[in-house]
Amino acid sequence: RQAETSAVYSYNESRMAFERIWTDANYAELNRALSQIPL
């Protein structure tokens, strides 16, 4: 038994590992850069 979680969501390990690298900040920077170039 652990302390009751307050997290709304839970994910599998593959997603958590991916998001340790591809953080919201990294995605925001990527999208900013992509918006400046042709489709």
PDB file of all heavy atoms in Angstrom:
ATOM      1  N   ARG A   1       0.836  -1.195   0.000  1.00  0.00           N
ATOM      2  CA  ARG A   1       0.000   0.000   0.000  1.00  0.00           C
ATOM      3  C   ARG A   1       0.874   1.250   0.000  1.00  0.00           C
ATOM      4  O   ARG A   1       1.815   1.378   0.774  1.00  0.00           O
ATOM      5  CB  ARG A   1      -0.898   0.006   1.223  1.00  0.00           C
ATOM      6  CG  ARG A   1      -1.900   1.131   1.288  1.00  0.00           C
ATOM      7  CD  ARG A   1      -3.149   0.868   0.467  1.00  0.00           C
ATOM      8  NE  ARG A   1      -3.890  -0.290   0.963  1.00  0.00           N
ATOM      9  CZ  ARG A   1      -5.003  -0.737   0.407  1.00  0.00           C
ATOM     10  NH1 ARG A   1      -5.487  -0.138  -0.672  1.00  0.00           N
ATOM     11  NH2 ARG A   1      -5.615  -1.793   0.891  1.00  0.00           N
ATOM     12  N   GLN A   2       0.558   2.158  -0.899  1.00  0.00           N
ATOM     13  CA  GLN A   2       1.283   3.419  -0.972  1.00  0.00           C
ATOM     14  C   GLN A   2       0.313   4.552  -0.690  1.00  0.00           C
ATOM     15  O   GLN A   2      -0.898   4.359  -0.595  1.00  0.00           O
ATOM     16  CB  GLN A   2       1.911   3.593  -2.365  1.00  0.00           C
ATOM     17  CG  GLN A   2       2.915   2.493  -2.710  1.00  0.00           C
ATOM     18  CD  GLN A   2       3.445   2.646  -4.120  1.00  0.00           C
ATOM     19  OE1 GLN A   2       2.980   3.498  -4.879  1.00  0.00           O
ATOM     20  NE2 GLN A   2       4.420   1.846  -4.478  1.00  0.00           N
ATOM     21  N   ALA A   3       0.889   5.727  -0.574  1.00  0.00           N
ATOM     22  CA  ALA A   3       0.031   6.886  -0.354  1.00  0.00           C
ATOM     23  C   ALA A   3      -0.926   7.041  -1.537  1.00  0.00           C
ATOM     24  O   ALA A   3      -0.557   6.803  -2.684  1.00  0.00           O
ATOM     25  CB  ALA A   3       0.889   8.143  -0.199  1.00  0.00           C
ATOM     26  N   GLU A   4      -2.151   7.424  -1.234  1.00  0.00           N
ATOM     27  CA  GLU A   4      -3.159   7.553  -2.284  1.00  0.00           C
ATOM     28  C   GLU A   4      -2.698   8.559  -3.328  1.00  0.00           C
ATOM     29  O   GLU A   4      -2.256   9.657  -3.015  1.00  0.00           O
ATOM     30  CB  GLU A   4      -4.488   8.000  -1.679  1.00  0.00           C
ATOM     31  CG  GLU A   4      -5.628   8.028  -2.696  1.00  0.00           C
ATOM     32  CD  GLU A   4      -6.952   8.322  -2.036  1.00  0.00           C
ATOM     33  OE1 GLU A   4      -7.028   8.201  -0.797  1.00  0.00           O
ATOM     34  OE2 GLU A   4      -7.892   8.681  -2.766  1.00  0.00           O
ATOM     35  N   THR A   5      -2.787   8.167  -4.595  1.00  0.00           N
ATOM     36  CA  THR A   5      -2.303   9.037  -5.659  1.00  0.00           C
ATOM     37  C   THR A   5      -3.275  10.167  -5.930  1.00  0.00           C
ATOM     38  O   THR A   5      -4.499  10.000  -5.848  1.00  0.00           O
ATOM     39  CB  THR A   5      -2.081   8.236  -6.955  1.00  0.00           C
ATOM     40  OG1 THR A   5      -1.628   9.144  -7.968  1.00  0.00           O
ATOM     41  CG2 THR A   5      -3.364   7.563  -7.439  1.00  0.00           C
ATOM     42  N   SER A   6      -2.720  11.327  -6.236  1.00  0.00           N
ATOM     43  CA  SER A   6      -3.551  12.463  -6.624  1.00  0.00           C
ATOM     44  C   SER A   6      -3.509  12.690  -8.125  1.00  0.00           C
ATOM     45  O   SER A   6      -4.148  13.607  -8.638  1.00  0.00           O
ATOM     46  CB  SER A   6      -3.071  13.731  -5.903  1.00  0.00           C
ATOM     47  OG  SER A   6      -1.717  14.008  -6.251  1.00  0.00           O
ATOM     48  N   ALA A   7      -2.744  11.860  -8.834  1.00  0.00           N
ATOM     49  CA  ALA A   7      -2.603  12.023 -10.273  1.00  0.00           C
ATOM     50  C   ALA A   7      -3.913  11.665 -10.978  1.00  0.00           C
ATOM     51  O   ALA A   7      -4.540  10.652 -10.666  1.00  0.00           O
ATOM     52  CB  ALA A   7      -1.463  11.160 -10.802  1.00  0.00           C
ATOM     53  N   VAL A   8      -4.312  12.509 -11.914  1.00  0.00           N
ATOM     54  CA  VAL A   8      -5.528  12.233 -12.672  1.00  0.00           C
ATOM     55  C   VAL A   8      -5.291  11.075 -13.631  1.00  0.00           C
ATOM     56  O   VAL A   8      -6.175  10.242 -13.849  1.00  0.00           O
ATOM     57  CB  VAL A   8      -5.976  13.490 -13.438  1.00  0.00           C
ATOM     58  CG1 VAL A   8      -7.214  13.198 -14.293  1.00  0.00           C
ATOM     59  CG2 VAL A   8      -6.256  14.631 -12.472  1.00  0.00           C
ATOM     60  N   TYR A   9      -4.079  11.003 -14.216  1.00  0.00           N
ATOM     61  CA  TYR A   9      -3.781  10.008 -15.244  1.00  0.00           C
ATOM     62  C   TYR A   9      -2.593   9.136 -14.841  1.00  0.00           C
ATOM     63  O   TYR A   9      -1.744   9.535 -14.037  1.00  0.00           O
ATOM     64  CB  TYR A   9      -3.437  10.697 -16.568  1.00  0.00           C
ATOM     65  CG  TYR A   9      -4.417  11.749 -17.009  1.00  0.00           C
ATOM     66  CD1 TYR A   9      -4.060  13.105 -17.032  1.00  0.00           C
ATOM     67  CD2 TYR A   9      -5.704  11.404 -17.413  1.00  0.00           C
ATOM     68  CE1 TYR A   9      -4.952  14.072 -17.450  1.00  0.00           C
ATOM     69  CE2 TYR A   9      -6.609  12.375 -17.830  1.00  0.00           C
ATOM     70  CZ  TYR A   9      -6.228  13.709 -17.839  1.00  0.00           C
ATOM     71  OH  TYR A   9      -7.121  14.666 -18.247  1.00  0.00           O
ATOM     72  N   SER A  10      -2.548   7.949 -15.437  1.00  0.00           N
ATOM     73  CA  SER A  10      -1.382   7.083 -15.284  1.00  0.00           C
ATOM     74  C   SER A  10      -1.082   6.447 -16.634  1.00  0.00           C
ATOM     75  O   SER A  10      -1.991   6.136 -17.406  1.00  0.00           O
ATOM     76  CB  SER A  10      -1.636   6.001 -14.226  1.00  0.00           C
ATOM     77  OG  SER A  10      -2.823   5.274 -14.511  1.00  0.00           O
ATOM     78  N   TYR A  11       0.211   6.237 -16.914  1.00  0.00           N
ATOM     79  CA  TYR A  11       0.654   5.787 -18.226  1.00  0.00           C
ATOM     80  C   TYR A  11       1.562   4.571 -18.107  1.00  0.00           C
ATOM     81  O   TYR A  11       2.113   4.293 -17.033  1.00  0.00           O
ATOM     82  CB  TYR A  11       1.401   6.914 -18.943  1.00  0.00           C
ATOM     83  CG  TYR A  11       0.650   8.219 -18.986  1.00  0.00           C
ATOM     84  CD1 TYR A  11       1.072   9.328 -18.239  1.00  0.00           C
ATOM     85  CD2 TYR A  11      -0.499   8.350 -19.760  1.00  0.00           C
ATOM     86  CE1 TYR A  11       0.383  10.525 -18.271  1.00  0.00           C
ATOM     87  CE2 TYR A  11      -1.200   9.557 -19.801  1.00  0.00           C
ATOM     88  CZ  TYR A  11      -0.757  10.637 -19.049  1.00  0.00           C
ATOM     89  OH  TYR A  11      -1.448  11.817 -19.080  1.00  0.00           O
ATOM     90  N   ASN A  12       1.757   3.880 -19.236  1.00  0.00           N
ATOM     91  CA  ASN A  12       2.684   2.755 -19.204  1.00  0.00           C
ATOM     92  C   ASN A  12       4.120   3.263 -19.285  1.00  0.00           C
ATOM     93  O   ASN A  12       4.389   4.443 -19.572  1.00  0.00           O
ATOM     94  CB  ASN A  12       2.370   1.739 -20.308  1.00  0.00           C
ATOM     95  CG  ASN A  12       2.715   2.247 -21.706  1.00  0.00           C
ATOM     96  OD1 ASN A  12       2.728   3.444 -21.961  1.00  0.00           O
ATOM     97  ND2 ASN A  12       2.981   1.319 -22.613  1.00  0.00           N
ATOM     98  N   GLU A  13       5.072   2.366 -19.035  1.00  0.00           N
ATOM     99  CA  GLU A  13       6.474   2.759 -18.933  1.00  0.00           C
ATOM    100  C   GLU A  13       7.000   3.332 -20.244  1.00  0.00           C
ATOM    101  O   GLU A  13       7.821   4.267 -20.242  1.00  0.00           O
ATOM    102  CB  GLU A  13       7.330   1.567 -18.501  1.00  0.00           C
ATOM    103  CG  GLU A  13       8.822   1.865 -18.363  1.00  0.00           C
ATOM    104  CD  GLU A  13       9.121   3.057 -17.458  1.00  0.00           C
ATOM    105  OE1 GLU A  13       8.476   3.174 -16.388  1.00  0.00           O
ATOM    106  OE2 GLU A  13       9.991   3.876 -17.829  1.00  0.00           O
ATOM    107  N   SER A  14       6.544   2.811 -21.381  1.00  0.00           N
ATOM    108  CA  SER A  14       7.030   3.318 -22.669  1.00  0.00           C
ATOM    109  C   SER A  14       6.700   4.794 -22.835  1.00  0.00           C
ATOM    110  O   SER A  14       7.531   5.578 -23.312  1.00  0.00           O
ATOM    111  CB  SER A  14       6.413   2.517 -23.816  1.00  0.00           C
ATOM    112  OG  SER A  14       6.871   1.194 -23.810  1.00  0.00           O
ATOM    113  N   ARG A  15       5.511   5.169 -22.448  1.00  0.00           N
ATOM    114  CA  ARG A  15       5.150   6.587 -22.572  1.00  0.00           C
ATOM    115  C   ARG A  15       5.948   7.441 -21.595  1.00  0.00           C
ATOM    116  O   ARG A  15       6.417   8.530 -21.958  1.00  0.00           O
ATOM    117  CB  ARG A  15       3.652   6.783 -22.353  1.00  0.00           C
ATOM    118  CG  ARG A  15       3.280   8.253 -22.282  1.00  0.00           C
ATOM    119  CD  ARG A  15       1.841   8.547 -22.493  1.00  0.00           C
ATOM    120  NE  ARG A  15       1.574   9.979 -22.294  1.00  0.00           N
ATOM    121  CZ  ARG A  15       0.434  10.572 -22.575  1.00  0.00           C
ATOM    122  NH1 ARG A  15      -0.573   9.875 -23.070  1.00  0.00           N
ATOM    123  NH2 ARG A  15       0.271  11.875 -22.355  1.00  0.00           N
ATOM    124  N   MET A  16       6.096   6.981 -20.373  1.00  0.00           N
ATOM    125  CA  MET A  16       6.834   7.784 -19.395  1.00  0.00           C
ATOM    126  C   MET A  16       8.281   7.966 -19.822  1.00  0.00           C
ATOM    127  O   MET A  16       8.856   9.047 -19.674  1.00  0.00           O
ATOM    128  CB  MET A  16       6.739   7.139 -18.015  1.00  0.00           C
ATOM    129  CG  MET A  16       5.329   7.214 -17.422  1.00  0.00           C
ATOM    130  SD  MET A  16       5.236   6.669 -15.695  1.00  0.00           S
ATOM    131  CE  MET A  16       5.495   4.904 -15.869  1.00  0.00           C
ATOM    132  N   ALA A  17       8.883   6.909 -20.391  1.00  0.00           N
ATOM    133  CA  ALA A  17      10.260   7.010 -20.873  1.00  0.00           C
ATOM    134  C   ALA A  17      10.355   7.993 -22.035  1.00  0.00           C
ATOM    135  O   ALA A  17      11.296   8.799 -22.119  1.00  0.00           O
ATOM    136  CB  ALA A  17      10.762   5.633 -21.300  1.00  0.00           C
ATOM    137  N   PHE A  18       9.381   7.933 -22.944  1.00  0.00           N
ATOM    138  CA  PHE A  18       9.378   8.850 -24.088  1.00  0.00           C
ATOM    139  C   PHE A  18       9.265  10.292 -23.619  1.00  0.00           C
ATOM    140  O   PHE A  18       9.989  11.180 -24.106  1.00  0.00           O
ATOM    141  CB  PHE A  18       8.212   8.492 -25.013  1.00  0.00           C
ATOM    142  CG  PHE A  18       8.035   9.445 -26.161  1.00  0.00           C
ATOM    143  CD1 PHE A  18       8.876   9.400 -27.259  1.00  0.00           C
ATOM    144  CD2 PHE A  18       7.009  10.393 -26.147  1.00  0.00           C
ATOM    145  CE1 PHE A  18       8.718  10.281 -28.325  1.00  0.00           C
ATOM    146  CE2 PHE A  18       6.839  11.268 -27.198  1.00  0.00           C
ATOM    147  CZ  PHE A  18       7.698  11.214 -28.292  1.00  0.00           C
ATOM    148  N   GLU A  19       8.401  10.559 -22.650  1.00  0.00           N
ATOM    149  CA  GLU A  19       8.168  11.935 -22.214  1.00  0.00           C
ATOM    150  C   GLU A  19       9.263  12.459 -21.291  1.00  0.00           C
ATOM    151  O   GLU A  19       9.315  13.665 -21.044  1.00  0.00           O
ATOM    152  CB  GLU A  19       6.794  12.047 -21.549  1.00  0.00           C
ATOM    153  CG  GLU A  19       5.655  11.892 -22.559  1.00  0.00           C
ATOM    154  CD  GLU A  19       4.286  12.134 -21.972  1.00  0.00           C
ATOM    155  OE1 GLU A  19       4.120  11.896 -20.755  1.00  0.00           O
ATOM    156  OE2 GLU A  19       3.379  12.544 -22.726  1.00  0.00           O
ATOM    157  N   ARG A  20      10.132  11.583 -20.814  1.00  0.00           N
ATOM    158  CA  ARG A  20      11.307  12.083 -20.098  1.00  0.00           C
ATOM    159  C   ARG A  20      12.254  12.790 -21.061  1.00  0.00           C
ATOM    160  O   ARG A  20      13.011  13.680 -20.651  1.00  0.00           O
ATOM    161  CB  ARG A  20      12.012  10.936 -19.372  1.00  0.00           C
ATOM    162  CG  ARG A  20      11.314  10.509 -18.079  1.00  0.00           C
ATOM    163  CD  ARG A  20      12.179   9.595 -17.234  1.00  0.00           C
ATOM    164  NE  ARG A  20      12.238   8.247 -17.769  1.00  0.00           N
ATOM    165  CZ  ARG A  20      11.395   7.266 -17.444  1.00  0.00           C
ATOM    166  NH1 ARG A  20      10.391   7.511 -16.594  1.00  0.00           N
ATOM    167  NH2 ARG A  20      11.520   6.058 -17.952  1.00  0.00           N
ATOM    168  N   ILE A  21      12.234  12.392 -22.305  1.00  0.00           N
ATOM    169  CA  ILE A  21      13.048  13.050 -23.332  1.00  0.00           C
ATOM    170  C   ILE A  21      12.236  14.130 -24.039  1.00  0.00           C
ATOM    171  O   ILE A  21      12.654  15.283 -24.137  1.00  0.00           O
ATOM    172  CB  ILE A  21      13.575  12.018 -24.352  1.00  0.00           C
ATOM    173  CG1 ILE A  21      14.487  11.005 -23.670  1.00  0.00           C
ATOM    174  CG2 ILE A  21      14.294  12.717 -25.505  1.00  0.00           C
ATOM    175  CD1 ILE A  21      14.909   9.855 -24.565  1.00  0.00           C
ATOM    176  N   TRP A  22      11.041  13.748 -24.508  1.00  0.00           N
ATOM    177  CA  TRP A  22      10.217  14.676 -25.267  1.00  0.00           C
ATOM    178  C   TRP A  22       9.219  15.357 -24.333  1.00  0.00           C
ATOM    179  O   TRP A  22       8.052  15.022 -24.260  1.00  0.00           O
ATOM    180  CB  TRP A  22       9.552  13.972 -26.442  1.00  0.00           C
ATOM    181  CG  TRP A  22      10.534  13.884 -27.562  1.00  0.00           C
ATOM    182  CD1 TRP A  22      11.292  12.820 -27.917  1.00  0.00           C
ATOM    183  CD2 TRP A  22      10.918  14.966 -28.406  1.00  0.00           C
ATOM    184  NE1 TRP A  22      12.135  13.155 -28.941  1.00  0.00           N
ATOM    185  CE2 TRP A  22      11.925  14.465 -29.270  1.00  0.00           C
ATOM    186  CE3 TRP A  22      10.521  16.293 -28.543  1.00  0.00           C
ATOM    187  CZ2 TRP A  22      12.529  15.263 -30.245  1.00  0.00           C
ATOM    188  CZ3 TRP A  22      11.126  17.091 -29.506  1.00  0.00           C
ATOM    189  CH2 TRP A  22      12.116  16.573 -30.342  1.00  0.00           C
ATOM    190  N   THR A  23       9.755  16.326 -23.611  1.00  0.00           N
ATOM    191  CA  THR A  23       8.980  17.094 -22.646  1.00  0.00           C
ATOM    192  C   THR A  23       8.079  18.096 -23.368  1.00  0.00           C
ATOM    193  O   THR A  23       8.214  18.340 -24.572  1.00  0.00           O
ATOM    194  CB  THR A  23       9.916  17.862 -21.713  1.00  0.00           C
ATOM    195  OG1 THR A  23      10.689  18.772 -22.519  1.00  0.00           O
ATOM    196  CG2 THR A  23      10.868  16.920 -20.984  1.00  0.00           C
ATOM    197  N   ASP A  24       7.175  18.707 -22.627  1.00  0.00           N
ATOM    198  CA  ASP A  24       6.328  19.749 -23.205  1.00  0.00           C
ATOM    199  C   ASP A  24       7.172  20.892 -23.760  1.00  0.00           C
ATOM    200  O   ASP A  24       6.853  21.469 -24.813  1.00  0.00           O
ATOM    201  CB  ASP A  24       5.358  20.280 -22.162  1.00  0.00           C
ATOM    202  CG  ASP A  24       4.258  19.286 -21.821  1.00  0.00           C
ATOM    203  OD1 ASP A  24       4.016  18.362 -22.621  1.00  0.00           O
ATOM    204  OD2 ASP A  24       3.633  19.435 -20.750  1.00  0.00           O
ATOM    205  N   ALA A  25       8.246  21.242 -23.056  1.00  0.00           N
ATOM    206  CA  ALA A  25       9.103  22.336 -23.516  1.00  0.00           C
ATOM    207  C   ALA A  25       9.774  21.984 -24.843  1.00  0.00           C
ATOM    208  O   ALA A  25       9.885  22.836 -25.740  1.00  0.00           O
ATOM    209  CB  ALA A  25      10.155  22.655 -22.456  1.00  0.00           C
ATOM    210  N   ASN A  26      10.229  20.748 -24.977  1.00  0.00           N
ATOM    211  CA  ASN A  26      10.852  20.345 -26.233  1.00  0.00           C
ATOM    212  C   ASN A  26       9.838  20.350 -27.379  1.00  0.00           C
ATOM    213  O   ASN A  26      10.146  20.779 -28.494  1.00  0.00           O
ATOM    214  CB  ASN A  26      11.482  18.960 -26.093  1.00  0.00           C
ATOM    215  CG  ASN A  26      12.858  19.016 -25.468  1.00  0.00           C
ATOM    216  OD1 ASN A  26      13.485  20.073 -25.419  1.00  0.00           O
ATOM    217  ND2 ASN A  26      13.338  17.886 -24.964  1.00  0.00           N
ATOM    218  N   TYR A  27       8.641  19.871 -27.112  1.00  0.00           N
ATOM    219  CA  TYR A  27       7.615  19.882 -28.159  1.00  0.00           C
ATOM    220  C   TYR A  27       7.230  21.316 -28.524  1.00  0.00           C
ATOM    221  O   TYR A  27       6.999  21.630 -29.700  1.00  0.00           O
ATOM    222  CB  TYR A  27       6.386  19.095 -27.715  1.00  0.00           C
ATOM    223  CG  TYR A  27       6.320  17.717 -28.322  1.00  0.00           C
ATOM    224  CD1 TYR A  27       6.511  16.580 -27.548  1.00  0.00           C
ATOM    225  CD2 TYR A  27       6.080  17.541 -29.684  1.00  0.00           C
ATOM    226  CE1 TYR A  27       6.461  15.307 -28.108  1.00  0.00           C
ATOM    227  CE2 TYR A  27       6.024  16.282 -30.252  1.00  0.00           C
ATOM    228  CZ  TYR A  27       6.218  15.167 -29.461  1.00  0.00           C
ATOM    229  OH  TYR A  27       6.177  13.922 -30.026  1.00  0.00           O
ATOM    230  N   ALA A  28       7.129  22.196 -27.544  1.00  0.00           N
ATOM    231  CA  ALA A  28       6.780  23.586 -27.826  1.00  0.00           C
ATOM    232  C   ALA A  28       7.830  24.231 -28.724  1.00  0.00           C
ATOM    233  O   ALA A  28       7.501  24.962 -29.668  1.00  0.00           O
ATOM    234  CB  ALA A  28       6.621  24.364 -26.526  1.00  0.00           C
ATOM    235  N   GLU A  29       9.091  23.963 -28.436  1.00  0.00           N
ATOM    236  CA  GLU A  29      10.174  24.515 -29.258  1.00  0.00           C
ATOM    237  C   GLU A  29      10.141  23.931 -30.666  1.00  0.00           C
ATOM    238  O   GLU A  29      10.339  24.646 -31.656  1.00  0.00           O
ATOM    239  CB  GLU A  29      11.529  24.247 -28.598  1.00  0.00           C
ATOM    240  CG  GLU A  29      12.715  24.852 -29.326  1.00  0.00           C
ATOM    241  CD  GLU A  29      12.680  26.373 -29.355  1.00  0.00           C
ATOM    242  OE1 GLU A  29      12.043  26.970 -28.459  1.00  0.00           O
ATOM    243  OE2 GLU A  29      13.281  26.965 -30.276  1.00  0.00           O
ATOM    244  N   LEU A  30       9.876  22.638 -30.768  1.00  0.00           N
ATOM    245  CA  LEU A  30       9.796  21.999 -32.077  1.00  0.00           C
ATOM    246  C   LEU A  30       8.645  22.585 -32.895  1.00  0.00           C
ATOM    247  O   LEU A  30       8.815  22.914 -34.081  1.00  0.00           O
ATOM    248  CB  LEU A  30       9.618  20.491 -31.912  1.00  0.00           C
ATOM    249  CG  LEU A  30       9.431  19.683 -33.205  1.00  0.00           C
ATOM    250  CD1 LEU A  30      10.655  19.805 -34.111  1.00  0.00           C
ATOM    251  CD2 LEU A  30       9.151  18.213 -32.884  1.00  0.00           C
ATOM    252  N   ASN A  31       7.479  22.723 -32.287  1.00  0.00           N
ATOM    253  CA  ASN A  31       6.333  23.256 -33.019  1.00  0.00           C
ATOM    254  C   ASN A  31       6.550  24.707 -33.432  1.00  0.00           C
ATOM    255  O   ASN A  31       6.116  25.128 -34.515  1.00  0.00           O
ATOM    256  CB  ASN A  31       5.064  23.131 -32.177  1.00  0.00           C
ATOM    257  CG  ASN A  31       4.537  21.708 -32.126  1.00  0.00           C
ATOM    258  OD1 ASN A  31       4.664  20.964 -33.078  1.00  0.00           O
ATOM    259  ND2 ASN A  31       3.958  21.326 -30.995  1.00  0.00           N
ATOM    260  N   ARG A  32       7.216  25.479 -32.585  1.00  0.00           N
ATOM    261  CA  ARG A  32       7.530  26.862 -32.947  1.00  0.00           C
ATOM    262  C   ARG A  32       8.408  26.895 -34.194  1.00  0.00           C
ATOM    263  O   ARG A  32       8.171  27.673 -35.136  1.00  0.00           O
ATOM    264  CB  ARG A  32       8.243  27.565 -31.785  1.00  0.00           C
ATOM    265  CG  ARG A  32       8.541  29.041 -32.034  1.00  0.00           C
ATOM    266  CD  ARG A  32       9.585  29.575 -31.069  1.00  0.00           C
ATOM    267  NE  ARG A  32      10.875  28.919 -31.261  1.00  0.00           N
ATOM    268  CZ  ARG A  32      11.725  29.222 -32.246  1.00  0.00           C
ATOM    269  NH1 ARG A  32      11.411  30.156 -33.136  1.00  0.00           N
ATOM    270  NH2 ARG A  32      12.872  28.601 -32.344  1.00  0.00           N
ATOM    271  N   ALA A  33       9.412  26.021 -34.216  1.00  0.00           N
ATOM    272  CA  ALA A  33      10.324  25.986 -35.362  1.00  0.00           C
ATOM    273  C   ALA A  33       9.627  25.496 -36.627  1.00  0.00           C
ATOM    274  O   ALA A  33       9.852  26.028 -37.722  1.00  0.00           O
ATOM    275  CB  ALA A  33      11.516  25.092 -35.032  1.00  0.00           C
ATOM    276  N   LEU A  34       8.784  24.488 -36.496  1.00  0.00           N
ATOM    277  CA  LEU A  34       8.111  23.935 -37.675  1.00  0.00           C
ATOM    278  C   LEU A  34       7.127  24.929 -38.276  1.00  0.00           C
ATOM    279  O   LEU A  34       6.897  24.932 -39.493  1.00  0.00           O
ATOM    280  CB  LEU A  34       7.386  22.637 -37.300  1.00  0.00           C
ATOM    281  CG  LEU A  34       8.272  21.464 -36.875  1.00  0.00           C
ATOM    282  CD1 LEU A  34       7.406  20.266 -36.477  1.00  0.00           C
ATOM    283  CD2 LEU A  34       9.240  21.062 -37.981  1.00  0.00           C
ATOM    284  N   SER A  35       6.519  25.763 -37.441  1.00  0.00           N
ATOM    285  CA  SER A  35       5.535  26.723 -37.939  1.00  0.00           C
ATOM    286  C   SER A  35       6.160  27.774 -38.844  1.00  0.00           C
ATOM    287  O   SER A  35       5.440  28.481 -39.564  1.00  0.00           O
ATOM    288  CB  SER A  35       4.828  27.406 -36.764  1.00  0.00           C
ATOM    289  OG  SER A  35       5.727  28.259 -36.062  1.00  0.00           O
ATOM    290  N   GLN A  36       7.475  27.893 -38.839  1.00  0.00           N
ATOM    291  CA  GLN A  36       8.161  28.925 -39.605  1.00  0.00           C
ATOM    292  C   GLN A  36       8.603  28.462 -40.992  1.00  0.00           C
ATOM    293  O   GLN A  36       9.164  29.252 -41.754  1.00  0.00           O
ATOM    294  CB  GLN A  36       9.386  29.423 -38.819  1.00  0.00           C
ATOM    295  CG  GLN A  36       9.043  30.048 -37.485  1.00  0.00           C
ATOM    296  CD  GLN A  36      10.277  30.399 -36.682  1.00  0.00           C
ATOM    297  OE1 GLN A  36      11.389  30.366 -37.181  1.00  0.00           O
ATOM    298  NE2 GLN A  36      10.076  30.763 -35.415  1.00  0.00           N
ATOM    299  N   ILE A  37       8.360  27.197 -41.328  1.00  0.00           N
ATOM    300  CA  ILE A  37       8.838  26.670 -42.610  1.00  0.00           C
ATOM    301  C   ILE A  37       7.661  26.127 -43.419  1.00  0.00           C
ATOM    302  O   ILE A  37       6.590  25.855 -42.865  1.00  0.00           O
ATOM    303  CB  ILE A  37       9.903  25.568 -42.400  1.00  0.00           C
ATOM    304  CG1 ILE A  37       9.347  24.426 -41.540  1.00  0.00           C
ATOM    305  CG2 ILE A  37      11.164  26.157 -41.769  1.00  0.00           C
ATOM    306  CD1 ILE A  37      10.326  23.275 -41.342  1.00  0.00           C
ATOM    307  N   PRO A  38       7.822  25.971 -44.735  1.00  0.00           N
ATOM    308  CA  PRO A  38       6.727  25.487 -45.577  1.00  0.00           C
ATOM    309  C   PRO A  38       6.255  24.094 -45.176  1.00  0.00           C
ATOM    310  O   PRO A  38       7.004  23.300 -44.587  1.00  0.00           O
ATOM    311  CB  PRO A  38       7.335  25.486 -46.986  1.00  0.00           C
ATOM    312  CG  PRO A  38       8.454  26.476 -46.927  1.00  0.00           C
ATOM    313  CD  PRO A  38       9.005  26.372 -45.533  1.00  0.00           C
ATOM    314  N   LEU A  39       5.006  23.791 -45.542  1.00  0.00           N
ATOM    315  CA  LEU A  39       4.390  22.515 -45.176  1.00  0.00           C
ATOM    316  C   LEU A  39       5.217  21.324 -45.611  1.00  0.00           C
ATOM    317  O   LEU A  39       5.360  20.345 -44.873  1.00  0.00           O
ATOM    318  CB  LEU A  39       2.998  22.413 -45.807  1.00  0.00           C
ATOM    319  CG  LEU A  39       1.856  23.197 -45.165  1.00  0.00           C
ATOM    320  CD1 LEU A  39       0.577  22.984 -45.954  1.00  0.00           C
ATOM    321  CD2 LEU A  39       1.666  22.751 -43.725  1.00  0.00           C
TER     322      LEU A  39
END
